[in-house]
Amino acid sequence: MGVGQIIALAIVTPFTAFFAWSTFHELRRRRREGPPDDPRDAFEFDEDAPSYEEPVSAETTAQDDDEAQDTPTAAEPDGTGPQHEDRT
C-alpha cells in the first residue's frame, strides 16, 4: 500500500464512518416513528391567484422538450432562427 493510498484512506474513512452512523440512526428512527410527514401537505394553494403555476408533470415536461427541439435558433447556419437587431 503506497503513501497516496494511505492518505486517501485517511481522508475517506471518517466521512464513510459518519454517513454509516447517520444512516443507521435514521433507519432506526424511521422504523420507530415511521416516515416523516411532508410539511408541504399542510398548505392550501389558491389556484385563482395571479402567480399560481400549474405543477409540472412528466408528460408536460416531455411535450416541452419535444417543442424545444423543433424550435430553430439564431445559432443555426441557415439563419432561420429569431433575428436580433444589431445595435452597434
C-alpha atoms as a PDB file:
ATOM      1  CA  MET A   1       0.000   0.000   0.000  1.00  0.00           C
ATOM      2  CA  GLY A   2       1.504   3.285  -1.096  1.00  0.00           C
ATOM      3  CA  VAL A   3       1.576   6.609   0.712  1.00  0.00           C
ATOM      4  CA  GLY A   4      -1.067   8.065  -1.631  1.00  0.00           C
ATOM      5  CA  GLN A   5      -3.454   5.229  -0.853  1.00  0.00           C
ATOM      6  CA  ILE A   6      -2.930   5.657   2.890  1.00  0.00           C
ATOM      7  CA  ILE A   7      -3.638   9.391   2.658  1.00  0.00           C
ATOM      8  CA  ALA A   8      -6.770   8.774   0.559  1.00  0.00           C
ATOM      9  CA  LEU A   9      -7.942   6.159   3.042  1.00  0.00           C
ATOM     10  CA  ALA A  10      -7.314   8.563   5.943  1.00  0.00           C
ATOM     11  CA  ILE A  11      -9.460  11.209   4.223  1.00  0.00           C
ATOM     12  CA  VAL A  12     -12.313   8.923   3.124  1.00  0.00           C
ATOM     13  CA  THR A  13     -12.656   6.795   6.296  1.00  0.00           C
ATOM     14  CA  PRO A  14     -14.105   9.499   8.619  1.00  0.00           C
ATOM     15  CA  PHE A  15     -16.714  10.503   6.014  1.00  0.00           C
ATOM     16  CA  THR A  16     -17.688   6.887   5.416  1.00  0.00           C
ATOM     17  CA  ALA A  17     -17.990   6.275   9.158  1.00  0.00           C
ATOM     18  CA  PHE A  18     -20.127   9.400   9.631  1.00  0.00           C
ATOM     19  CA  PHE A  19     -22.532   8.506   6.813  1.00  0.00           C
ATOM     20  CA  ALA A  20     -22.818   4.905   8.028  1.00  0.00           C
ATOM     21  CA  TRP A  21     -23.546   6.145  11.576  1.00  0.00           C
ATOM     22  CA  SER A  22     -26.185   8.652  10.423  1.00  0.00           C
ATOM     23  CA  THR A  23     -27.814   6.097   8.098  1.00  0.00           C
ATOM     24  CA  PHE A  24     -28.065   3.601  10.955  1.00  0.00           C
ATOM     25  CA  HIS A  25     -29.702   6.153  13.268  1.00  0.00           C
ATOM     26  CA  GLU A  26     -32.087   7.423  10.563  1.00  0.00           C
ATOM     27  CA  LEU A  27     -33.228   3.880   9.760  1.00  0.00           C
ATOM     28  CA  ARG A  28     -33.773   3.215  13.486  1.00  0.00           C
ATOM     29  CA  ARG A  29     -35.797   6.421  13.827  1.00  0.00           C
ATOM     30  CA  ARG A  30     -37.832   5.638  10.698  1.00  0.00           C
ATOM     31  CA  ARG A  31     -38.645   2.119  11.944  1.00  0.00           C
ATOM     32  CA  ARG A  32     -39.707   3.524  15.330  1.00  0.00           C
ATOM     33  CA  GLU A  33     -41.663   6.620  14.167  1.00  0.00           C
ATOM     34  CA  GLY A  34     -42.482   5.936  10.523  1.00  0.00           C
ATOM     35  CA  PRO A  35     -41.638   8.166   7.577  1.00  0.00           C
ATOM     36  CA  PRO A  36     -41.583  11.913   8.199  1.00  0.00           C
ATOM     37  CA  ASP A  37     -44.662  13.981   7.364  1.00  0.00           C
ATOM     38  CA  ASP A  38     -44.399  16.202   4.323  1.00  0.00           C
ATOM     39  CA  PRO A  39     -44.892  19.774   5.632  1.00  0.00           C
ATOM     40  CA  ARG A  40     -45.978  20.909   2.159  1.00  0.00           C
ATOM     41  CA  ASP A  41     -49.184  18.907   2.558  1.00  0.00           C
ATOM     42  CA  ALA A  42     -50.359  21.401   5.213  1.00  0.00           C
ATOM     43  CA  PHE A  43     -50.540  24.259   2.686  1.00  0.00           C
ATOM     44  CA  GLU A  44     -53.574  25.018   0.561  1.00  0.00           C
ATOM     45  CA  PHE A  45     -52.990  26.623  -2.805  1.00  0.00           C
ATOM     46  CA  ASP A  46     -55.244  29.281  -4.286  1.00  0.00           C
ATOM     47  CA  GLU A  47     -55.424  28.275  -7.944  1.00  0.00           C
ATOM     48  CA  ASP A  48     -57.069  31.617  -8.804  1.00  0.00           C
ATOM     49  CA  ALA A  49     -54.067  33.621  -7.598  1.00  0.00           C
ATOM     50  CA  PRO A  50     -52.258  35.506 -10.377  1.00  0.00           C
ATOM     51  CA  SER A  51     -48.884  33.935  -9.556  1.00  0.00           C
ATOM     52  CA  TYR A  52     -50.181  30.351  -9.371  1.00  0.00           C
ATOM     53  CA  GLU A  53     -48.458  27.991 -11.771  1.00  0.00           C
ATOM     54  CA  GLU A  54     -49.751  24.523 -12.540  1.00  0.00           C
ATOM     55  CA  PRO A  55     -47.415  21.804 -11.180  1.00  0.00           C
ATOM     56  CA  VAL A  56     -45.142  20.319 -13.811  1.00  0.00           C
ATOM     57  CA  SER A  57     -45.849  16.690 -14.656  1.00  0.00           C
ATOM     58  CA  ALA A  58     -43.586  14.268 -16.504  1.00  0.00           C
ATOM     59  CA  GLU A  59     -45.921  14.359 -19.514  1.00  0.00           C
ATOM     60  CA  THR A  60     -45.803  18.171 -19.705  1.00  0.00           C
ATOM     61  CA  THR A  61     -42.014  18.121 -19.451  1.00  0.00           C
ATOM     62  CA  ALA A  62     -41.765  15.603 -22.309  1.00  0.00           C
ATOM     63  CA  GLN A  63     -44.013  17.777 -24.504  1.00  0.00           C
ATOM     64  CA  ASP A  64     -41.938  20.886 -23.701  1.00  0.00           C
ATOM     65  CA  ASP A  65     -38.740  19.007 -24.608  1.00  0.00           C
ATOM     66  CA  ASP A  66     -40.223  17.963 -27.951  1.00  0.00           C
ATOM     67  CA  GLU A  67     -41.280  21.542 -28.737  1.00  0.00           C
ATOM     68  CA  ALA A  68     -37.855  22.888 -27.764  1.00  0.00           C
ATOM     69  CA  GLN A  69     -36.153  20.520 -30.199  1.00  0.00           C
ATOM     70  CA  ASP A  70     -38.389  21.650 -33.071  1.00  0.00           C
ATOM     71  CA  THR A  71     -37.759  25.368 -32.485  1.00  0.00           C
ATOM     72  CA  PRO A  72     -34.912  26.761 -34.649  1.00  0.00           C
ATOM     73  CA  THR A  73     -32.391  29.054 -33.008  1.00  0.00           C
ATOM     74  CA  ALA A  74     -30.386  32.018 -34.237  1.00  0.00           C
ATOM     75  CA  ALA A  75     -27.236  29.919 -33.968  1.00  0.00           C
ATOM     76  CA  GLU A  76     -28.357  27.694 -36.846  1.00  0.00           C
ATOM     77  CA  PRO A  77     -26.329  28.227 -40.012  1.00  0.00           C
ATOM     78  CA  ASP A  78     -29.315  28.688 -42.317  1.00  0.00           C
ATOM     79  CA  GLY A  79     -30.428  31.765 -40.329  1.00  0.00           C
ATOM     80  CA  THR A  80     -33.973  30.518 -39.756  1.00  0.00           C
ATOM     81  CA  GLY A  81     -33.874  31.331 -36.050  1.00  0.00           C
ATOM     82  CA  PRO A  82     -35.183  34.538 -34.476  1.00  0.00           C
ATOM     83  CA  GLN A  83     -33.451  37.627 -35.783  1.00  0.00           C
ATOM     84  CA  HIS A  84     -31.920  40.044 -33.288  1.00  0.00           C
ATOM     85  CA  GLU A  85     -31.463  43.706 -34.035  1.00  0.00           C
ATOM     86  CA  ASP A  86     -27.829  44.783 -34.240  1.00  0.00           C
ATOM     87  CA  ARG A  87     -27.459  47.858 -32.019  1.00  0.00           C
ATOM     88  CA  THR A  88     -23.918  48.923 -32.862  1.00  0.00           C
END
